[in-house]
N, C-alpha and C. Protein backbone atom coordinates (compact mmCIF):
# COMPACT_ATOMS: atom_id res chain seq x y z
N UNK A 1 0.80 -1.21 0.00
CA UNK A 1 0.00 0.00 0.00
C UNK A 1 0.84 1.27 0.00
N UNK A 2 2.13 1.12 0.17
CA UNK A 2 2.99 2.29 0.21
C UNK A 2 2.92 3.11 -1.08
N UNK A 3 2.86 2.48 -2.28
CA UNK A 3 2.75 3.29 -3.50
C UNK A 3 1.47 4.12 -3.55
N UNK A 4 0.44 3.70 -2.87
CA UNK A 4 -0.81 4.46 -2.85
C UNK A 4 -0.61 5.78 -2.12
N UNK A 5 0.30 5.78 -1.14
CA UNK A 5 0.52 6.96 -0.30
C UNK A 5 1.55 7.92 -0.89
N UNK A 6 1.99 7.69 -2.12
CA UNK A 6 2.98 8.57 -2.73
C UNK A 6 2.33 9.83 -3.27
N UNK A 7 3.16 10.80 -3.63
CA UNK A 7 2.65 12.03 -4.21
C UNK A 7 2.10 12.96 -3.16
N UNK A 8 0.99 13.62 -3.48
CA UNK A 8 0.42 14.59 -2.55
C UNK A 8 -0.13 13.92 -1.30
N UNK A 9 -0.46 12.63 -1.39
CA UNK A 9 -0.97 11.92 -0.22
C UNK A 9 0.12 11.71 0.83
N UNK A 10 1.40 11.76 0.39
CA UNK A 10 2.51 11.56 1.31
C UNK A 10 2.58 12.66 2.37
N UNK A 11 2.03 13.81 2.05
CA UNK A 11 2.03 14.95 2.98
C UNK A 11 0.96 14.79 4.06
N UNK A 12 -0.03 13.99 3.79
CA UNK A 12 -1.14 13.82 4.74
C UNK A 12 -0.81 12.74 5.76
N UNK A 13 -1.27 12.92 6.99
CA UNK A 13 -1.01 11.87 7.99
C UNK A 13 -1.92 10.67 7.77
N UNK A 14 -1.49 9.53 8.26
CA UNK A 14 -2.32 8.34 8.25
C UNK A 14 -3.09 8.34 9.55
N UNK A 15 -4.40 8.17 9.46
CA UNK A 15 -5.25 8.18 10.64
C UNK A 15 -5.70 6.75 10.90
N UNK A 16 -5.43 6.26 12.11
CA UNK A 16 -5.74 4.88 12.47
C UNK A 16 -6.68 4.88 13.67
N UNK A 17 -7.77 4.14 13.55
CA UNK A 17 -8.74 4.02 14.64
C UNK A 17 -8.44 2.74 15.42
N UNK A 18 -8.14 2.90 16.70
CA UNK A 18 -7.83 1.75 17.54
C UNK A 18 -8.38 2.03 18.93
N UNK A 19 -9.20 1.09 19.41
CA UNK A 19 -9.84 1.21 20.72
C UNK A 19 -10.60 2.53 20.86
N UNK A 20 -11.35 2.83 19.85
CA UNK A 20 -12.20 4.03 19.80
C UNK A 20 -11.42 5.33 19.94
N UNK A 21 -10.15 5.31 19.55
CA UNK A 21 -9.33 6.52 19.57
C UNK A 21 -8.64 6.65 18.21
N UNK A 22 -8.54 7.88 17.74
CA UNK A 22 -7.84 8.15 16.49
C UNK A 22 -6.38 8.47 16.79
N UNK A 23 -5.49 7.84 16.05
CA UNK A 23 -4.06 8.12 16.17
C UNK A 23 -3.57 8.59 14.81
N UNK A 24 -2.75 9.61 14.82
CA UNK A 24 -2.22 10.18 13.59
C UNK A 24 -0.76 9.78 13.43
N UNK A 25 -0.41 9.29 12.23
CA UNK A 25 0.96 8.89 11.93
C UNK A 25 1.43 9.67 10.72
N UNK A 26 2.65 10.20 10.80
CA UNK A 26 3.25 10.90 9.66
C UNK A 26 4.04 9.90 8.84
N UNK A 27 4.22 10.21 7.57
CA UNK A 27 5.01 9.36 6.69
C UNK A 27 4.16 8.45 5.84
N UNK A 28 4.83 7.53 5.15
CA UNK A 28 4.11 6.62 4.26
C UNK A 28 3.60 5.40 5.04
N UNK A 29 2.97 4.49 4.31
CA UNK A 29 2.34 3.34 4.95
C UNK A 29 3.36 2.41 5.60
N UNK A 30 4.52 2.24 4.96
CA UNK A 30 5.56 1.37 5.54
C UNK A 30 6.04 1.92 6.89
N UNK A 31 6.20 3.23 6.98
CA UNK A 31 6.59 3.85 8.25
C UNK A 31 5.49 3.69 9.29
N UNK A 32 4.25 3.79 8.85
CA UNK A 32 3.11 3.59 9.75
C UNK A 32 3.13 2.19 10.36
N UNK A 33 3.33 1.17 9.51
CA UNK A 33 3.36 -0.21 9.97
C UNK A 33 4.53 -0.41 10.94
N UNK A 34 5.69 0.12 10.59
CA UNK A 34 6.88 -0.02 11.43
C UNK A 34 6.67 0.66 12.79
N UNK A 35 6.16 1.86 12.78
CA UNK A 35 5.92 2.60 14.02
C UNK A 35 4.88 1.91 14.88
N UNK A 36 3.83 1.43 14.25
CA UNK A 36 2.75 0.76 15.00
C UNK A 36 3.26 -0.54 15.64
N UNK A 37 4.05 -1.31 14.92
CA UNK A 37 4.62 -2.54 15.48
C UNK A 37 5.57 -2.23 16.63
N UNK A 38 6.35 -1.18 16.49
CA UNK A 38 7.26 -0.79 17.56
C UNK A 38 6.48 -0.38 18.81
N UNK A 39 5.40 0.36 18.63
CA UNK A 39 4.56 0.75 19.77
C UNK A 39 3.95 -0.48 20.44
N UNK A 40 3.51 -1.44 19.64
CA UNK A 40 2.93 -2.68 20.21
C UNK A 40 3.96 -3.48 20.98
N UNK A 41 5.18 -3.57 20.44
CA UNK A 41 6.25 -4.28 21.16
C UNK A 41 6.56 -3.60 22.48
N UNK A 42 6.68 -2.28 22.45
CA UNK A 42 6.95 -1.53 23.68
C UNK A 42 5.84 -1.73 24.70
N UNK A 43 4.60 -1.74 24.23
CA UNK A 43 3.46 -1.96 25.11
C UNK A 43 3.50 -3.35 25.73
N UNK A 44 3.89 -4.35 24.94
CA UNK A 44 3.98 -5.72 25.45
C UNK A 44 5.08 -5.84 26.50
N UNK A 45 6.21 -5.19 26.27
CA UNK A 45 7.30 -5.21 27.25
C UNK A 45 6.87 -4.52 28.54
N UNK A 46 6.20 -3.39 28.41
CA UNK A 46 5.71 -2.67 29.59
C UNK A 46 4.70 -3.50 30.37
N UNK A 47 3.81 -4.18 29.66
CA UNK A 47 2.82 -5.03 30.31
C UNK A 47 3.51 -6.16 31.07
N UNK A 48 4.52 -6.78 30.45
CA UNK A 48 5.23 -7.88 31.11
C UNK A 48 5.95 -7.39 32.36
N UNK A 49 6.54 -6.20 32.30
CA UNK A 49 7.20 -5.63 33.49
C UNK A 49 6.18 -5.39 34.61
N UNK A 50 5.01 -4.88 34.26
CA UNK A 50 3.97 -4.66 35.26
C UNK A 50 3.53 -5.97 35.89
N UNK A 51 3.37 -7.00 35.07
CA UNK A 51 2.96 -8.30 35.60
C UNK A 51 4.03 -8.88 36.52
N UNK A 52 5.30 -8.70 36.17
CA UNK A 52 6.39 -9.17 37.03
C UNK A 52 6.40 -8.43 38.35
N UNK A 53 6.16 -7.12 38.32
CA UNK A 53 6.12 -6.33 39.55
C UNK A 53 4.95 -6.75 40.43
N UNK A 54 3.80 -6.99 39.83
CA UNK A 54 2.62 -7.43 40.59
C UNK A 54 2.91 -8.78 41.24
N UNK A 55 3.50 -9.69 40.49
CA UNK A 55 3.82 -11.01 41.03
C UNK A 55 4.82 -10.89 42.18
N UNK A 56 5.84 -10.05 42.00
CA UNK A 56 6.85 -9.85 43.05
C UNK A 56 6.21 -9.29 44.32
N UNK A 57 5.33 -8.30 44.16
CA UNK A 57 4.66 -7.71 45.32
C UNK A 57 3.74 -8.70 46.01
N UNK A 58 3.04 -9.52 45.24
CA UNK A 58 2.16 -10.53 45.85
C UNK A 58 2.97 -11.55 46.65
N UNK A 59 4.13 -11.94 46.10
CA UNK A 59 5.00 -12.88 46.83
C UNK A 59 5.54 -12.24 48.10
N UNK A 60 5.91 -10.96 48.02
CA UNK A 60 6.41 -10.24 49.19
C UNK A 60 5.34 -10.16 50.27
N UNK A 61 4.12 -9.83 49.86
CA UNK A 61 3.01 -9.72 50.81
C UNK A 61 2.74 -11.06 51.48
N UNK A 62 2.70 -12.12 50.69
CA UNK A 62 2.44 -13.45 51.24
C UNK A 62 3.54 -13.87 52.21
N UNK A 63 4.77 -13.49 51.92
CA UNK A 63 5.89 -13.91 52.74
C UNK A 63 6.01 -13.11 54.04
N UNK A 64 5.72 -11.80 53.98
CA UNK A 64 6.03 -10.94 55.12
C UNK A 64 4.82 -10.33 55.83
N UNK A 65 3.59 -10.70 55.46
CA UNK A 65 2.45 -10.06 56.11
C UNK A 65 2.33 -10.42 57.58
N UNK A 66 2.86 -11.55 58.01
CA UNK A 66 2.81 -11.96 59.41
C UNK A 66 4.11 -11.67 60.15
N UNK A 67 5.11 -11.18 59.46
CA UNK A 67 6.39 -10.86 60.07
C UNK A 67 6.30 -9.51 60.76
N UNK A 68 6.65 -9.46 62.02
CA UNK A 68 6.51 -8.23 62.80
C UNK A 68 7.34 -7.09 62.21
N UNK A 69 8.54 -7.39 61.77
CA UNK A 69 9.44 -6.36 61.25
C UNK A 69 8.98 -5.80 59.90
N UNK A 70 8.44 -6.65 59.04
CA UNK A 70 8.10 -6.25 57.67
C UNK A 70 6.60 -6.11 57.43
N UNK A 71 5.77 -6.24 58.45
CA UNK A 71 4.32 -6.21 58.23
C UNK A 71 3.83 -4.86 57.72
N UNK A 72 4.42 -3.75 58.19
CA UNK A 72 3.98 -2.43 57.71
C UNK A 72 4.31 -2.26 56.23
N UNK A 73 5.48 -2.75 55.83
CA UNK A 73 5.85 -2.70 54.41
C UNK A 73 4.89 -3.54 53.57
N UNK A 74 4.53 -4.71 54.06
CA UNK A 74 3.59 -5.58 53.34
C UNK A 74 2.21 -4.93 53.25
N UNK A 75 1.76 -4.30 54.34
CA UNK A 75 0.47 -3.62 54.31
C UNK A 75 0.47 -2.46 53.33
N UNK A 76 1.57 -1.74 53.27
CA UNK A 76 1.70 -0.64 52.33
C UNK A 76 1.61 -1.14 50.88
N UNK A 77 2.26 -2.25 50.61
CA UNK A 77 2.21 -2.82 49.25
C UNK A 77 0.82 -3.35 48.92
N UNK A 78 0.11 -3.85 49.95
CA UNK A 78 -1.27 -4.31 49.73
C UNK A 78 -2.15 -3.14 49.34
N UNK A 79 -1.97 -1.97 49.97
CA UNK A 79 -2.76 -0.79 49.64
C UNK A 79 -2.45 -0.33 48.22
N UNK A 80 -1.18 -0.37 47.83
CA UNK A 80 -0.80 0.04 46.48
C UNK A 80 -1.32 -0.92 45.42
N UNK A 81 -1.49 -2.18 45.79
CA UNK A 81 -1.96 -3.17 44.83
C UNK A 81 -3.44 -2.97 44.47
N UNK A 82 -4.18 -2.35 45.34
CA UNK A 82 -5.60 -2.12 45.08
C UNK A 82 -5.79 -1.10 44.06
C-alpha cells in the first residue's frame, strides 16, 4: 500500500482508529506499519514488566504479612496493589 501513499498523499497523515481513539501517523504506509509494530512491542514489554512487579509484590506480601518487622511494608504494598 505504500505506493498508494505517494505524491500529494505523502504529505497527509495516516489516521488509524484503535480502541475508539484516532491516532495520527506521519510518513508513508511502511513507516506507519513499522511505528505501529514498535509501539505494540513496547506496550507488550511494559505489560510484562507490570505483571512481574505485581507477582513480586504478591509474593512479598504473602511472605512478610505476618512478620513483625516487615508487616507495615507488606500492608503498604497491599494498599498500592488495590
